[in-house]
Amino acid sequence: MSRLVPNGEIAGNEYNLSVSSYVEKEDTREAVDIRKLNAEIAQIVARENELRGEIDKIIAEIEGQGNS
């Protein structure tokens, strides 16, 4: 992004020619719907807990077979 800066503005900035004194960096951050994000996280956590339960069952079965 660029713009034409009048001499008076440059004088007002004590002749500082730093680009950041005259041009703001464009905000490129992505807007996030926090409610949607939290809902997605809740689904992931629920699925993770479900999978952990299944893994625990498999491990219990394997351990039970080893004792036979």
PDB file of N, CA and C in Angstrom:
ATOM      1  N   MET A   1       0.846  -1.170   0.000  1.00  0.00           N
ATOM      2  CA  MET A   1       0.000   0.000   0.000  1.00  0.00           C
ATOM      3  C   MET A   1       0.893   1.235   0.000  1.00  0.00           C
ATOM      4  N   SER A   2       0.502   2.246  -0.708  1.00  0.00           N
ATOM      5  CA  SER A   2       1.278   3.484  -0.735  1.00  0.00           C
ATOM      6  C   SER A   2       0.333   4.675  -0.813  1.00  0.00           C
ATOM      7  N   ARG A   3       0.865   5.852  -0.525  1.00  0.00           N
ATOM      8  CA  ARG A   3       0.089   7.079  -0.661  1.00  0.00           C
ATOM      9  C   ARG A   3       1.036   8.261  -0.813  1.00  0.00           C
ATOM     10  N   LEU A   4       0.542   9.326  -1.386  1.00  0.00           N
ATOM     11  CA  LEU A   4       1.297  10.565  -1.549  1.00  0.00           C
ATOM     12  C   LEU A   4       1.172  11.369  -0.266  1.00  0.00           C
ATOM     13  N   VAL A   5       2.301  11.775   0.310  1.00  0.00           N
ATOM     14  CA  VAL A   5       2.308  12.504   1.581  1.00  0.00           C
ATOM     15  C   VAL A   5       2.704  13.952   1.314  1.00  0.00           C
ATOM     16  N   PRO A   6       1.858  14.885   1.752  1.00  0.00           N
ATOM     17  CA  PRO A   6       2.196  16.308   1.559  1.00  0.00           C
ATOM     18  C   PRO A   6       3.420  16.716   2.379  1.00  0.00           C
ATOM     19  N   ASN A   7       4.156  17.695   1.888  1.00  0.00           N
ATOM     20  CA  ASN A   7       5.360  18.173   2.580  1.00  0.00           C
ATOM     21  C   ASN A   7       5.046  18.632   4.006  1.00  0.00           C
ATOM     22  N   GLY A   8       3.884  19.230   4.202  1.00  0.00           N
ATOM     23  CA  GLY A   8       3.511  19.701   5.533  1.00  0.00           C
ATOM     24  C   GLY A   8       3.418  18.567   6.539  1.00  0.00           C
ATOM     25  N   GLU A   9       2.925  17.433   6.100  1.00  0.00           N
ATOM     26  CA  GLU A   9       2.827  16.275   7.002  1.00  0.00           C
ATOM     27  C   GLU A   9       4.219  15.753   7.345  1.00  0.00           C
ATOM     28  N   ILE A  10       5.107  15.781   6.354  1.00  0.00           N
ATOM     29  CA  ILE A  10       6.487  15.336   6.596  1.00  0.00           C
ATOM     30  C   ILE A  10       7.156  16.288   7.590  1.00  0.00           C
ATOM     31  N   ALA A  11       6.947  17.587   7.410  1.00  0.00           N
ATOM     32  CA  ALA A  11       7.507  18.574   8.341  1.00  0.00           C
ATOM     33  C   ALA A  11       6.924  18.358   9.739  1.00  0.00           C
ATOM     34  N   GLY A  12       5.629  18.051   9.816  1.00  0.00           N
ATOM     35  CA  GLY A  12       4.987  17.816  11.103  1.00  0.00           C
ATOM     36  C   GLY A  12       5.543  16.596  11.823  1.00  0.00           C
ATOM     37  N   ASN A  13       6.108  15.674  11.061  1.00  0.00           N
ATOM     38  CA  ASN A  13       6.743  14.479  11.631  1.00  0.00           C
ATOM     39  C   ASN A  13       8.250  14.667  11.756  1.00  0.00           C
ATOM     40  N   GLU A  14       8.673  15.945  11.819  1.00  0.00           N
ATOM     41  CA  GLU A  14      10.091  16.310  11.975  1.00  0.00           C
ATOM     42  C   GLU A  14      10.958  15.693  10.886  1.00  0.00           C
ATOM     43  N   TYR A  15      10.419  15.637   9.681  1.00  0.00           N
ATOM     44  CA  TYR A  15      11.109  15.142   8.488  1.00  0.00           C
ATOM     45  C   TYR A  15      11.544  13.681   8.615  1.00  0.00           C
ATOM     46  N   ASN A  16      10.821  12.950   9.449  1.00  0.00           N
ATOM     47  CA  ASN A  16      11.064  11.516   9.586  1.00  0.00           C
ATOM     48  C   ASN A  16      10.471  10.843   8.351  1.00  0.00           C
ATOM     49  N   LEU A  17      11.286  10.143   7.583  1.00  0.00           N
ATOM     50  CA  LEU A  17      10.834   9.505   6.351  1.00  0.00           C
ATOM     51  C   LEU A  17      10.553   8.008   6.528  1.00  0.00           C
ATOM     52  N   SER A  18      10.426   7.576   7.754  1.00  0.00           N
ATOM     53  CA  SER A  18      10.094   6.180   8.010  1.00  0.00           C
ATOM     54  C   SER A  18       8.709   5.871   7.446  1.00  0.00           C
ATOM     55  N   VAL A  19       8.614   4.818   6.650  1.00  0.00           N
ATOM     56  CA  VAL A  19       7.354   4.450   5.995  1.00  0.00           C
ATOM     57  C   VAL A  19       6.249   4.254   7.029  1.00  0.00           C
ATOM     58  N   SER A  20       6.586   3.640   8.155  1.00  0.00           N
ATOM     59  CA  SER A  20       5.572   3.353   9.170  1.00  0.00           C
ATOM     60  C   SER A  20       4.976   4.616   9.788  1.00  0.00           C
ATOM     61  N   SER A  21       5.616   5.751   9.578  1.00  0.00           N
ATOM     62  CA  SER A  21       5.071   7.023  10.077  1.00  0.00           C
ATOM     63  C   SER A  21       3.916   7.515   9.222  1.00  0.00           C
ATOM     64  N   TYR A  22       3.776   6.994   8.005  1.00  0.00           N
ATOM     65  CA  TYR A  22       2.788   7.530   7.066  1.00  0.00           C
ATOM     66  C   TYR A  22       1.796   6.483   6.540  1.00  0.00           C
ATOM     67  N   VAL A  23       2.178   5.230   6.588  1.00  0.00           N
ATOM     68  CA  VAL A  23       1.329   4.186   6.029  1.00  0.00           C
ATOM     69  C   VAL A  23       1.134   3.096   7.081  1.00  0.00           C
ATOM     70  N   GLU A  24      -0.115   2.791   7.398  1.00  0.00           N
ATOM     71  CA  GLU A  24      -0.396   1.715   8.332  1.00  0.00           C
ATOM     72  C   GLU A  24      -0.357   0.384   7.604  1.00  0.00           C
ATOM     73  N   LYS A  25       0.179  -0.604   8.280  1.00  0.00           N
ATOM     74  CA  LYS A  25       0.218  -1.940   7.708  1.00  0.00           C
ATOM     75  C   LYS A  25      -1.211  -2.472   7.634  1.00  0.00           C
ATOM     76  N   GLU A  26      -1.538  -3.112   6.523  1.00  0.00           N
ATOM     77  CA  GLU A  26      -2.873  -3.668   6.328  1.00  0.00           C
ATOM     78  C   GLU A  26      -3.112  -4.808   7.311  1.00  0.00           C
ATOM     79  N   ASP A  27      -4.273  -4.804   7.926  1.00  0.00           N
ATOM     80  CA  ASP A  27      -4.643  -5.870   8.863  1.00  0.00           C
ATOM     81  C   ASP A  27      -5.097  -7.080   8.062  1.00  0.00           C
ATOM     82  N   THR A  28      -4.291  -8.128   8.088  1.00  0.00           N
ATOM     83  CA  THR A  28      -4.598  -9.331   7.309  1.00  0.00           C
ATOM     84  C   THR A  28      -5.067 -10.476   8.199  1.00  0.00           C
ATOM     85  N   ARG A  29      -5.374 -10.144   9.455  1.00  0.00           N
ATOM     86  CA  ARG A  29      -5.844 -11.205  10.358  1.00  0.00           C
ATOM     87  C   ARG A  29      -7.210 -11.705   9.913  1.00  0.00           C
ATOM     88  N   GLU A  30      -7.396 -12.995  10.092  1.00  0.00           N
ATOM     89  CA  GLU A  30      -8.655 -13.631   9.712  1.00  0.00           C
ATOM     90  C   GLU A  30      -9.646 -13.499  10.865  1.00  0.00           C
ATOM     91  N   ALA A  31     -10.871 -13.109  10.539  1.00  0.00           N
ATOM     92  CA  ALA A  31     -11.916 -13.046  11.559  1.00  0.00           C
ATOM     93  C   ALA A  31     -12.310 -14.471  11.934  1.00  0.00           C
ATOM     94  N   VAL A  32     -12.428 -14.730  13.229  1.00  0.00           N
ATOM     95  CA  VAL A  32     -12.738 -16.078  13.707  1.00  0.00           C
ATOM     96  C   VAL A  32     -14.063 -16.039  14.467  1.00  0.00           C
ATOM     97  N   ASP A  33     -14.945 -16.951  14.115  1.00  0.00           N
ATOM     98  CA  ASP A  33     -16.208 -17.113  14.833  1.00  0.00           C
ATOM     99  C   ASP A  33     -15.911 -18.005  16.033  1.00  0.00           C
ATOM    100  N   ILE A  34     -15.754 -17.396  17.202  1.00  0.00           N
ATOM    101  CA  ILE A  34     -15.312 -18.125  18.380  1.00  0.00           C
ATOM    102  C   ILE A  34     -16.324 -19.173  18.817  1.00  0.00           C
ATOM    103  N   ARG A  35     -17.599 -18.908  18.640  1.00  0.00           N
ATOM    104  CA  ARG A  35     -18.616 -19.904  19.015  1.00  0.00           C
ATOM    105  C   ARG A  35     -18.500 -21.148  18.135  1.00  0.00           C
ATOM    106  N   LYS A  36     -18.310 -20.925  16.843  1.00  0.00           N
ATOM    107  CA  LYS A  36     -18.164 -22.050  15.917  1.00  0.00           C
ATOM    108  C   LYS A  36     -16.889 -22.827  16.239  1.00  0.00           C
ATOM    109  N   LEU A  37     -15.823 -22.112  16.509  1.00  0.00           N
ATOM    110  CA  LEU A  37     -14.555 -22.751  16.838  1.00  0.00           C
ATOM    111  C   LEU A  37     -14.689 -23.585  18.116  1.00  0.00           C
ATOM    112  N   ASN A  38     -15.345 -23.037  19.137  1.00  0.00           N
ATOM    113  CA  ASN A  38     -15.537 -23.783  20.382  1.00  0.00           C
ATOM    114  C   ASN A  38     -16.386 -25.032  20.155  1.00  0.00           C
ATOM    115  N   ALA A  39     -17.394 -24.937  19.287  1.00  0.00           N
ATOM    116  CA  ALA A  39     -18.232 -26.092  18.972  1.00  0.00           C
ATOM    117  C   ALA A  39     -17.399 -27.169  18.276  1.00  0.00           C
ATOM    118  N   GLU A  40     -16.537 -26.773  17.361  1.00  0.00           N
ATOM    119  CA  GLU A  40     -15.671 -27.722  16.671  1.00  0.00           C
ATOM    120  C   GLU A  40     -14.712 -28.396  17.655  1.00  0.00           C
ATOM    121  N   ILE A  41     -14.170 -27.610  18.575  1.00  0.00           N
ATOM    122  CA  ILE A  41     -13.258 -28.169  19.576  1.00  0.00           C
ATOM    123  C   ILE A  41     -13.999 -29.171  20.455  1.00  0.00           C
ATOM    124  N   ALA A  42     -15.225 -28.845  20.839  1.00  0.00           N
ATOM    125  CA  ALA A  42     -16.025 -29.757  21.665  1.00  0.00           C
ATOM    126  C   ALA A  42     -16.261 -31.078  20.936  1.00  0.00           C
ATOM    127  N   GLN A  43     -16.524 -31.015  19.633  1.00  0.00           N
ATOM    128  CA  GLN A  43     -16.716 -32.242  18.844  1.00  0.00           C
ATOM    129  C   GLN A  43     -15.431 -33.061  18.787  1.00  0.00           C
ATOM    130  N   ILE A  44     -14.317 -32.391  18.618  1.00  0.00           N
ATOM    131  CA  ILE A  44     -13.025 -33.087  18.558  1.00  0.00           C
ATOM    132  C   ILE A  44     -12.729 -33.764  19.885  1.00  0.00           C
ATOM    133  N   VAL A  45     -12.976 -33.058  20.986  1.00  0.00           N
ATOM    134  CA  VAL A  45     -12.728 -33.627  22.315  1.00  0.00           C
ATOM    135  C   VAL A  45     -13.640 -34.833  22.555  1.00  0.00           C
ATOM    136  N   ALA A  46     -14.902 -34.728  22.162  1.00  0.00           N
ATOM    137  CA  ALA A  46     -15.839 -35.839  22.332  1.00  0.00           C
ATOM    138  C   ALA A  46     -15.360 -37.055  21.531  1.00  0.00           C
ATOM    139  N   ARG A  47     -14.935 -36.826  20.305  1.00  0.00           N
ATOM    140  CA  ARG A  47     -14.441 -37.926  19.461  1.00  0.00           C
ATOM    141  C   ARG A  47     -13.168 -38.527  20.058  1.00  0.00           C
ATOM    142  N   GLU A  48     -12.297 -37.677  20.574  1.00  0.00           N
ATOM    143  CA  GLU A  48     -11.064 -38.151  21.208  1.00  0.00           C
ATOM    144  C   GLU A  48     -11.401 -39.053  22.400  1.00  0.00           C
ATOM    145  N   ASN A  49     -12.354 -38.631  23.225  1.00  0.00           N
ATOM    146  CA  ASN A  49     -12.754 -39.436  24.382  1.00  0.00           C
ATOM    147  C   ASN A  49     -13.343 -40.773  23.949  1.00  0.00           C
ATOM    148  N   GLU A  50     -14.122 -40.760  22.880  1.00  0.00           N
ATOM    149  CA  GLU A  50     -14.703 -41.988  22.338  1.00  0.00           C
ATOM    150  C   GLU A  50     -13.597 -42.942  21.878  1.00  0.00           C
ATOM    151  N   LEU A  51     -12.626 -42.400  21.156  1.00  0.00           N
ATOM    152  CA  LEU A  51     -11.518 -43.229  20.669  1.00  0.00           C
ATOM    153  C   LEU A  51     -10.667 -43.756  21.814  1.00  0.00           C
ATOM    154  N   ARG A  52     -10.445 -42.933  22.831  1.00  0.00           N
ATOM    155  CA  ARG A  52      -9.680 -43.391  23.994  1.00  0.00           C
ATOM    156  C   ARG A  52     -10.392 -44.559  24.671  1.00  0.00           C
ATOM    157  N   GLY A  53     -11.708 -44.469  24.762  1.00  0.00           N
ATOM    158  CA  GLY A  53     -12.490 -45.565  25.344  1.00  0.00           C
ATOM    159  C   GLY A  53     -12.334 -46.840  24.545  1.00  0.00           C
ATOM    160  N   GLU A  54     -12.380 -46.731  23.223  1.00  0.00           N
ATOM    161  CA  GLU A  54     -12.215 -47.901  22.360  1.00  0.00           C
ATOM    162  C   GLU A  54     -10.817 -48.505  22.515  1.00  0.00           C
ATOM    163  N   ILE A  55      -9.817 -47.646  22.584  1.00  0.00           N
ATOM    164  CA  ILE A  55      -8.438 -48.117  22.762  1.00  0.00           C
ATOM    165  C   ILE A  55      -8.300 -48.831  24.106  1.00  0.00           C
ATOM    166  N   ASP A  56      -8.892 -48.254  25.159  1.00  0.00           N
ATOM    167  CA  ASP A  56      -8.835 -48.885  26.478  1.00  0.00           C
ATOM    168  C   ASP A  56      -9.469 -50.277  26.451  1.00  0.00           C
ATOM    169  N   LYS A  57     -10.587 -50.418  25.719  1.00  0.00           N
ATOM    170  CA  LYS A  57     -11.243 -51.730  25.610  1.00  0.00           C
ATOM    171  C   LYS A  57     -10.332 -52.731  24.905  1.00  0.00           C
ATOM    172  N   ILE A  58      -9.696 -52.294  23.833  1.00  0.00           N
ATOM    173  CA  ILE A  58      -8.796 -53.176  23.080  1.00  0.00           C
ATOM    174  C   ILE A  58      -7.630 -53.606  23.958  1.00  0.00           C
ATOM    175  N   ILE A  59      -7.064 -52.663  24.692  1.00  0.00           N
ATOM    176  CA  ILE A  59      -5.936 -52.982  25.572  1.00  0.00           C
ATOM    177  C   ILE A  59      -6.372 -53.958  26.656  1.00  0.00           C
ATOM    178  N   ALA A  60      -7.562 -53.745  27.213  1.00  0.00           N
ATOM    179  CA  ALA A  60      -8.078 -54.656  28.247  1.00  0.00           C
ATOM    180  C   ALA A  60      -8.257 -56.055  27.679  1.00  0.00           C
ATOM    181  N   GLU A  61      -8.740 -56.161  26.450  1.00  0.00           N
ATOM    182  CA  GLU A  61      -8.916 -57.469  25.806  1.00  0.00           C
ATOM    183  C   GLU A  61      -7.565 -58.151  25.596  1.00  0.00           C
ATOM    184  N   ILE A  62      -6.592 -57.378  25.126  1.00  0.00           N
ATOM    185  CA  ILE A  62      -5.260 -57.937  24.885  1.00  0.00           C
ATOM    186  C   ILE A  62      -4.641 -58.404  26.191  1.00  0.00           C
ATOM    187  N   GLU A  63      -4.753 -57.587  27.229  1.00  0.00           N
ATOM    188  CA  GLU A  63      -4.196 -57.956  28.527  1.00  0.00           C
ATOM    189  C   GLU A  63      -4.920 -59.183  29.092  1.00  0.00           C
ATOM    190  N   GLY A  64      -6.232 -59.277  28.867  1.00  0.00           N
ATOM    191  CA  GLY A  64      -7.016 -60.414  29.344  1.00  0.00           C
ATOM    192  C   GLY A  64      -6.612 -61.702  28.635  1.00  0.00           C
ATOM    193  N   GLN A  65      -6.249 -61.604  27.360  1.00  0.00           N
ATOM    194  CA  GLN A  65      -5.831 -62.784  26.589  1.00  0.00           C
ATOM    195  C   GLN A  65      -4.475 -63.276  27.062  1.00  0.00           C
ATOM    196  N   GLY A  66      -3.659 -62.348  27.506  1.00  0.00           N
ATOM    197  CA  GLY A  66      -2.318 -62.726  27.955  1.00  0.00           C
ATOM    198  C   GLY A  66      -2.339 -63.483  29.270  1.00  0.00           C
ATOM    199  N   ASN A  67      -3.411 -63.333  30.026  1.00  0.00           N
ATOM    200  CA  ASN A  67      -3.519 -64.023  31.317  1.00  0.00           C
ATOM    201  C   ASN A  67      -4.165 -65.384  31.198  1.00  0.00           C
ATOM    202  N   SER A  68      -4.611 -65.756  30.026  1.00  0.00           N
ATOM    203  CA  SER A  68      -5.316 -67.050  29.856  1.00  0.00           C
ATOM    204  C   SER A  68      -4.370 -68.212  29.819  1.00  0.00           C
TER     205      SER A  68
END
